[in-house]
Amino acid sequence: TPEAFRRNPDLVYDFYNQRRRQLLSPDIKA
């Protein structure tokens, strides 16, 4: 939520950083 980003941006950044790393890992394929 936008409120979460304002309240705790580090948590939000980390959440999406982890998801991005998973998406870019070699074992994720179409």
All heavy atoms as atom14 arrays in JSON, in Angstrom:
{
  "sequence": "TPEAFRRNPDLVYDFYNQRRRQLLSPDIKA",
  "atom14_mask": [
    [1, 1, 1, 1, 1, 1, 1, 0, 0, 0, 0, 0, 0, 0],
    [1, 1, 1, 1, 1, 1, 1, 0, 0, 0, 0, 0, 0, 0],
    [1, 1, 1, 1, 1, 1, 1, 1, 1, 0, 0, 0, 0, 0],
    [1, 1, 1, 1, 1, 0, 0, 0, 0, 0, 0, 0, 0, 0],
    [1, 1, 1, 1, 1, 1, 1, 1, 1, 1, 1, 0, 0, 0],
    [1, 1, 1, 1, 1, 1, 1, 1, 1, 1, 1, 0, 0, 0],
    [1, 1, 1, 1, 1, 1, 1, 1, 1, 1, 1, 0, 0, 0],
    [1, 1, 1, 1, 1, 1, 1, 1, 0, 0, 0, 0, 0, 0],
    [1, 1, 1, 1, 1, 1, 1, 0, 0, 0, 0, 0, 0, 0],
    [1, 1, 1, 1, 1, 1, 1, 1, 0, 0, 0, 0, 0, 0],
    [1, 1, 1, 1, 1, 1, 1, 1, 0, 0, 0, 0, 0, 0],
    [1, 1, 1, 1, 1, 1, 1, 0, 0, 0, 0, 0, 0, 0],
    [1, 1, 1, 1, 1, 1, 1, 1, 1, 1, 1, 1, 0, 0],
    [1, 1, 1, 1, 1, 1, 1, 1, 0, 0, 0, 0, 0, 0],
    [1, 1, 1, 1, 1, 1, 1, 1, 1, 1, 1, 0, 0, 0],
    [1, 1, 1, 1, 1, 1, 1, 1, 1, 1, 1, 1, 0, 0],
    [1, 1, 1, 1, 1, 1, 1, 1, 0, 0, 0, 0, 0, 0],
    [1, 1, 1, 1, 1, 1, 1, 1, 1, 0, 0, 0, 0, 0],
    [1, 1, 1, 1, 1, 1, 1, 1, 1, 1, 1, 0, 0, 0],
    [1, 1, 1, 1, 1, 1, 1, 1, 1, 1, 1, 0, 0, 0],
    [1, 1, 1, 1, 1, 1, 1, 1, 1, 1, 1, 0, 0, 0],
    [1, 1, 1, 1, 1, 1, 1, 1, 1, 0, 0, 0, 0, 0],
    [1, 1, 1, 1, 1, 1, 1, 1, 0, 0, 0, 0, 0, 0],
    [1, 1, 1, 1, 1, 1, 1, 1, 0, 0, 0, 0, 0, 0],
    [1, 1, 1, 1, 1, 1, 0, 0, 0, 0, 0, 0, 0, 0],
    [1, 1, 1, 1, 1, 1, 1, 0, 0, 0, 0, 0, 0, 0],
    [1, 1, 1, 1, 1, 1, 1, 1, 0, 0, 0, 0, 0, 0],
    [1, 1, 1, 1, 1, 1, 1, 1, 0, 0, 0, 0, 0, 0],
    [1, 1, 1, 1, 1, 1, 1, 1, 1, 0, 0, 0, 0, 0],
    [1, 1, 1, 1, 1, 0, 0, 0, 0, 0, 0, 0, 0, 0]
  ],
  "atom14_positions": [
    [[0.85, -1.19, 0.0], [0.0, 0.0, 0.0], [0.89, 1.24, 0.0], [2.04, 1.19, 0.46], [-0.91, 0.05, 1.24], [-0.11, 0.23, 2.41], [-1.76, -1.2, 1.37], [0.0, 0.0, 0.0], [0.0, 0.0, 0.0], [0.0, 0.0, 0.0], [0.0, 0.0, 0.0], [0.0, 0.0, 0.0], [0.0, 0.0, 0.0], [0.0, 0.0, 0.0]],
    [[0.37, 2.37, -0.5], [1.15, 3.62, -0.42], [1.48, 3.99, 1.02], [2.56, 4.53, 1.3], [0.21, 4.65, -1.06], [-0.69, 3.86, -1.95], [-0.89, 2.55, -1.24], [0.0, 0.0, 0.0], [0.0, 0.0, 0.0], [0.0, 0.0, 0.0], [0.0, 0.0, 0.0], [0.0, 0.0, 0.0], [0.0, 0.0, 0.0], [0.0, 0.0, 0.0]],
    [[0.55, 3.7, 1.94], [0.79, 4.01, 3.36], [1.96, 3.2, 3.91], [2.76, 3.71, 4.69], [-0.48, 3.73, 4.17], [-1.67, 4.61, 3.84], [-2.37, 4.22, 2.55], [-2.15, 3.09, 2.07], [-3.13, 5.06, 2.03], [0.0, 0.0, 0.0], [0.0, 0.0, 0.0], [0.0, 0.0, 0.0], [0.0, 0.0, 0.0], [0.0, 0.0, 0.0]],
    [[2.06, 1.93, 3.49], [3.18, 1.1, 3.93], [4.51, 1.67, 3.45], [5.5, 1.65, 4.18], [3.0, -0.33, 3.42], [0.0, 0.0, 0.0], [0.0, 0.0, 0.0], [0.0, 0.0, 0.0], [0.0, 0.0, 0.0], [0.0, 0.0, 0.0], [0.0, 0.0, 0.0], [0.0, 0.0, 0.0], [0.0, 0.0, 0.0], [0.0, 0.0, 0.0]],
    [[4.53, 2.16, 2.22], [5.76, 2.72, 1.66], [6.18, 3.98, 2.41], [7.37, 4.19, 2.65], [5.55, 3.02, 0.18], [6.8, 3.43, -0.55], [7.9, 2.61, -0.59], [6.86, 4.66, -1.2], [9.07, 2.99, -1.27], [8.0, 5.04, -1.89], [9.11, 4.2, -1.92], [0.0, 0.0, 0.0], [0.0, 0.0, 0.0], [0.0, 0.0, 0.0]],
    [[5.21, 4.79, 2.79], [5.54, 5.98, 3.57], [5.97, 5.62, 4.99], [6.88, 6.24, 5.55], [4.33, 6.93, 3.61], [4.03, 7.61, 2.29], [3.02, 8.73, 2.46], [1.69, 8.24, 2.81], [0.76, 7.95, 1.92], [1.0, 8.09, 0.62], [-0.43, 7.52, 2.32], [0.0, 0.0, 0.0], [0.0, 0.0, 0.0], [0.0, 0.0, 0.0]],
    [[5.34, 4.6, 5.55], [5.58, 4.23, 6.95], [6.9, 3.49, 7.12], [7.66, 3.74, 8.06], [4.42, 3.38, 7.44], [4.5, 2.97, 8.89], [3.23, 2.26, 9.34], [2.96, 1.04, 8.58], [1.91, 0.89, 7.75], [1.05, 1.88, 7.56], [1.74, -0.26, 7.11], [0.0, 0.0, 0.0], [0.0, 0.0, 0.0], [0.0, 0.0, 0.0]],
    [[7.18, 2.55, 6.22], [8.38, 1.72, 6.36], [8.93, 1.39, 4.98], [8.82, 0.25, 4.51], [8.04, 0.43, 7.13], [9.27, -0.34, 7.56], [10.38, -0.08, 7.1], [9.08, -1.31, 8.45], [0.0, 0.0, 0.0], [0.0, 0.0, 0.0], [0.0, 0.0, 0.0], [0.0, 0.0, 0.0], [0.0, 0.0, 0.0], [0.0, 0.0, 0.0]],
    [[9.54, 2.36, 4.32], [10.03, 2.12, 2.96], [11.07, 1.01, 2.88], [11.11, 0.27, 1.89], [10.62, 3.47, 2.54], [10.87, 4.2, 3.81], [9.83, 3.74, 4.78], [0.0, 0.0, 0.0], [0.0, 0.0, 0.0], [0.0, 0.0, 0.0], [0.0, 0.0, 0.0], [0.0, 0.0, 0.0], [0.0, 0.0, 0.0], [0.0, 0.0, 0.0]],
    [[11.9, 0.84, 3.9], [12.92, -0.21, 3.86], [12.28, -1.59, 3.72], [12.76, -2.44, 2.98], [13.79, -0.17, 5.11], [14.78, 0.99, 5.1], [15.12, 1.46, 3.99], [15.2, 1.42, 6.18], [0.0, 0.0, 0.0], [0.0, 0.0, 0.0], [0.0, 0.0, 0.0], [0.0, 0.0, 0.0], [0.0, 0.0, 0.0], [0.0, 0.0, 0.0]],
    [[11.2, -1.84, 4.46], [10.52, -3.12, 4.38], [9.94, -3.34, 2.99], [10.05, -4.44, 2.43], [9.4, -3.2, 5.42], [8.54, -4.47, 5.39], [9.39, -5.7, 5.68], [7.39, -4.35, 6.39], [0.0, 0.0, 0.0], [0.0, 0.0, 0.0], [0.0, 0.0, 0.0], [0.0, 0.0, 0.0], [0.0, 0.0, 0.0], [0.0, 0.0, 0.0]],
    [[9.34, -2.3, 2.42], [8.74, -2.42, 1.09], [9.81, -2.65, 0.04], [9.67, -3.54, -0.82], [7.9, -1.18, 0.76], [7.36, -1.25, -0.66], [6.75, -1.04, 1.77], [0.0, 0.0, 0.0], [0.0, 0.0, 0.0], [0.0, 0.0, 0.0], [0.0, 0.0, 0.0], [0.0, 0.0, 0.0], [0.0, 0.0, 0.0], [0.0, 0.0, 0.0]],
    [[10.89, -1.88, 0.09], [11.99, -2.09, -0.85], [12.51, -3.52, -0.75], [12.72, -4.2, -1.77], [13.14, -1.11, -0.57], [12.94, 0.29, -1.08], [13.08, 1.38, -0.21], [12.65, 0.56, -2.42], [12.93, 2.68, -0.65], [12.5, 1.86, -2.87], [12.63, 2.91, -1.99], [12.47, 4.21, -2.43], [0.0, 0.0, 0.0], [0.0, 0.0, 0.0]],
    [[12.74, -3.99, 0.48], [13.29, -5.32, 0.67], [12.35, -6.4, 0.14], [12.8, -7.37, -0.48], [13.59, -5.55, 2.14], [14.22, -6.91, 2.4], [15.33, -7.16, 1.88], [13.61, -7.73, 3.1], [0.0, 0.0, 0.0], [0.0, 0.0, 0.0], [0.0, 0.0, 0.0], [0.0, 0.0, 0.0], [0.0, 0.0, 0.0], [0.0, 0.0, 0.0]],
    [[11.06, -6.22, 0.37], [10.07, -7.18, -0.11], [10.15, -7.34, -1.62], [10.21, -8.46, -2.14], [8.67, -6.72, 0.31], [7.56, -7.58, -0.21], [7.29, -8.82, 0.36], [6.76, -7.17, -1.26], [6.26, -9.62, -0.1], [5.73, -7.96, -1.74], [5.48, -9.18, -1.16], [0.0, 0.0, 0.0], [0.0, 0.0, 0.0], [0.0, 0.0, 0.0]],
    [[10.18, -6.23, -2.34], [10.24, -6.31, -3.81], [11.62, -6.68, -4.31], [11.75, -7.33, -5.36], [9.74, -5.0, -4.43], [8.24, -4.86, -4.25], [7.72, -4.05, -3.26], [7.35, -5.59, -5.04], [6.34, -3.95, -3.07], [5.99, -5.5, -4.86], [5.49, -4.68, -3.87], [4.13, -4.61, -3.68], [0.0, 0.0, 0.0], [0.0, 0.0, 0.0]],
    [[12.66, -6.3, -3.59], [14.0, -6.74, -3.97], [14.12, -8.26, -3.92], [14.7, -8.88, -4.82], [15.06, -6.12, -3.04], [15.28, -4.64, -3.31], [14.95, -4.12, -4.39], [15.82, -3.94, -2.33], [0.0, 0.0, 0.0], [0.0, 0.0, 0.0], [0.0, 0.0, 0.0], [0.0, 0.0, 0.0], [0.0, 0.0, 0.0], [0.0, 0.0, 0.0]],
    [[13.55, -8.86, -2.88], [13.59, -10.32, -2.77], [12.8, -10.98, -3.9], [13.24, -11.98, -4.47], [13.03, -10.76, -1.42], [13.92, -10.42, -0.24], [13.39, -11.02, 1.05], [13.03, -12.19, 1.09], [13.35, -10.22, 2.1], [0.0, 0.0, 0.0], [0.0, 0.0, 0.0], [0.0, 0.0, 0.0], [0.0, 0.0, 0.0], [0.0, 0.0, 0.0]],
    [[11.66, -10.43, -4.21], [10.86, -10.99, -5.3], [11.57, -10.83, -6.64], [11.5, -11.71, -7.5], [9.49, -10.29, -5.36], [8.66, -10.47, -4.1], [7.26, -9.94, -4.27], [6.45, -10.84, -5.06], [5.26, -10.53, -5.55], [4.75, -9.33, -5.37], [4.56, -11.4, -6.25], [0.0, 0.0, 0.0], [0.0, 0.0, 0.0], [0.0, 0.0, 0.0]],
    [[12.24, -9.7, -6.84], [12.97, -9.47, -8.1], [14.13, -10.45, -8.23], [14.37, -10.99, -9.31], [13.48, -8.02, -8.16], [14.08, -7.63, -9.51], [14.6, -6.2, -9.5], [13.57, -5.25, -9.14], [13.53, -4.61, -7.97], [14.48, -4.81, -7.04], [12.56, -3.77, -7.7], [0.0, 0.0, 0.0], [0.0, 0.0, 0.0], [0.0, 0.0, 0.0]],
    [[14.84, -10.66, -7.14], [15.94, -11.63, -7.18], [15.43, -13.01, -7.53], [16.06, -13.74, -8.31], [16.65, -11.67, -5.82], [17.48, -10.45, -5.49], [18.18, -10.61, -4.16], [18.26, -9.35, -3.43], [17.94, -9.19, -2.15], [17.52, -10.23, -1.44], [18.05, -8.02, -1.58], [0.0, 0.0, 0.0], [0.0, 0.0, 0.0], [0.0, 0.0, 0.0]],
    [[14.28, -13.4, -6.96], [13.73, -14.71, -7.28], [13.37, -14.79, -8.76], [13.66, -15.79, -9.44], [12.48, -14.99, -6.45], [11.93, -16.41, -6.69], [10.44, -16.55, -6.45], [9.7, -15.58, -6.49], [10.0, -17.77, -6.21], [0.0, 0.0, 0.0], [0.0, 0.0, 0.0], [0.0, 0.0, 0.0], [0.0, 0.0, 0.0], [0.0, 0.0, 0.0]],
    [[12.73, -13.74, -9.29], [12.32, -13.74, -10.69], [13.52, -13.86, -11.62], [13.43, -14.49, -12.68], [11.53, -12.46, -10.98], [11.05, -12.25, -12.43], [10.16, -13.4, -12.89], [10.32, -10.91, -12.54], [0.0, 0.0, 0.0], [0.0, 0.0, 0.0], [0.0, 0.0, 0.0], [0.0, 0.0, 0.0], [0.0, 0.0, 0.0], [0.0, 0.0, 0.0]],
    [[14.64, -13.26, -11.24], [15.83, -13.26, -12.08], [16.73, -14.47, -11.85], [17.76, -14.61, -12.51], [16.63, -11.98, -11.85], [15.95, -10.68, -12.32], [16.74, -9.46, -11.87], [15.77, -10.68, -13.83], [0.0, 0.0, 0.0], [0.0, 0.0, 0.0], [0.0, 0.0, 0.0], [0.0, 0.0, 0.0], [0.0, 0.0, 0.0], [0.0, 0.0, 0.0]],
    [[16.35, -15.35, -10.92], [17.18, -16.52, -10.67], [17.08, -17.5, -11.83], [16.06, -17.55, -12.53], [16.76, -17.19, -9.36], [15.44, -17.7, -9.47], [0.0, 0.0, 0.0], [0.0, 0.0, 0.0], [0.0, 0.0, 0.0], [0.0, 0.0, 0.0], [0.0, 0.0, 0.0], [0.0, 0.0, 0.0], [0.0, 0.0, 0.0], [0.0, 0.0, 0.0]],
    [[18.13, -18.29, -12.07], [18.16, -19.17, -13.24], [17.07, -20.23, -13.27], [16.74, -20.75, -14.34], [19.56, -19.82, -13.15], [20.36, -18.92, -12.27], [19.39, -18.32, -11.31], [0.0, 0.0, 0.0], [0.0, 0.0, 0.0], [0.0, 0.0, 0.0], [0.0, 0.0, 0.0], [0.0, 0.0, 0.0], [0.0, 0.0, 0.0], [0.0, 0.0, 0.0]],
    [[16.51, -20.57, -12.12], [15.52, -21.64, -12.09], [14.1, -21.18, -12.43], [13.19, -22.0, -12.5], [15.53, -22.34, -10.73], [15.3, -21.38, -9.58], [15.73, -20.22, -9.7], [14.71, -21.78, -8.56], [0.0, 0.0, 0.0], [0.0, 0.0, 0.0], [0.0, 0.0, 0.0], [0.0, 0.0, 0.0], [0.0, 0.0, 0.0], [0.0, 0.0, 0.0]],
    [[13.91, -19.88, -12.62], [12.58, -19.37, -12.99], [12.53, -19.2, -14.5], [13.29, -18.42, -15.08], [12.3, -18.02, -12.3], [12.31, -18.2, -10.77], [10.97, -17.45, -12.77], [11.22, -19.1, -10.24], [0.0, 0.0, 0.0], [0.0, 0.0, 0.0], [0.0, 0.0, 0.0], [0.0, 0.0, 0.0], [0.0, 0.0, 0.0], [0.0, 0.0, 0.0]],
    [[11.62, -19.93, -15.12], [11.5, -19.89, -16.58], [10.02, -19.88, -16.97], [9.17, -20.36, -16.22], [12.18, -21.11, -17.22], [13.68, -21.2, -16.99], [14.24, -22.45, -17.65], [15.77, -22.5, -17.54], [16.22, -22.61, -16.14], [0.0, 0.0, 0.0], [0.0, 0.0, 0.0], [0.0, 0.0, 0.0], [0.0, 0.0, 0.0], [0.0, 0.0, 0.0]],
    [[9.74, -19.35, -18.15], [8.38, -19.44, -18.7], [8.0, -20.91, -18.86], [8.84, -21.74, -19.2], [8.32, -18.71, -20.03], [0.0, 0.0, 0.0], [0.0, 0.0, 0.0], [0.0, 0.0, 0.0], [0.0, 0.0, 0.0], [0.0, 0.0, 0.0], [0.0, 0.0, 0.0], [0.0, 0.0, 0.0], [0.0, 0.0, 0.0], [0.0, 0.0, 0.0]]
  ]
}
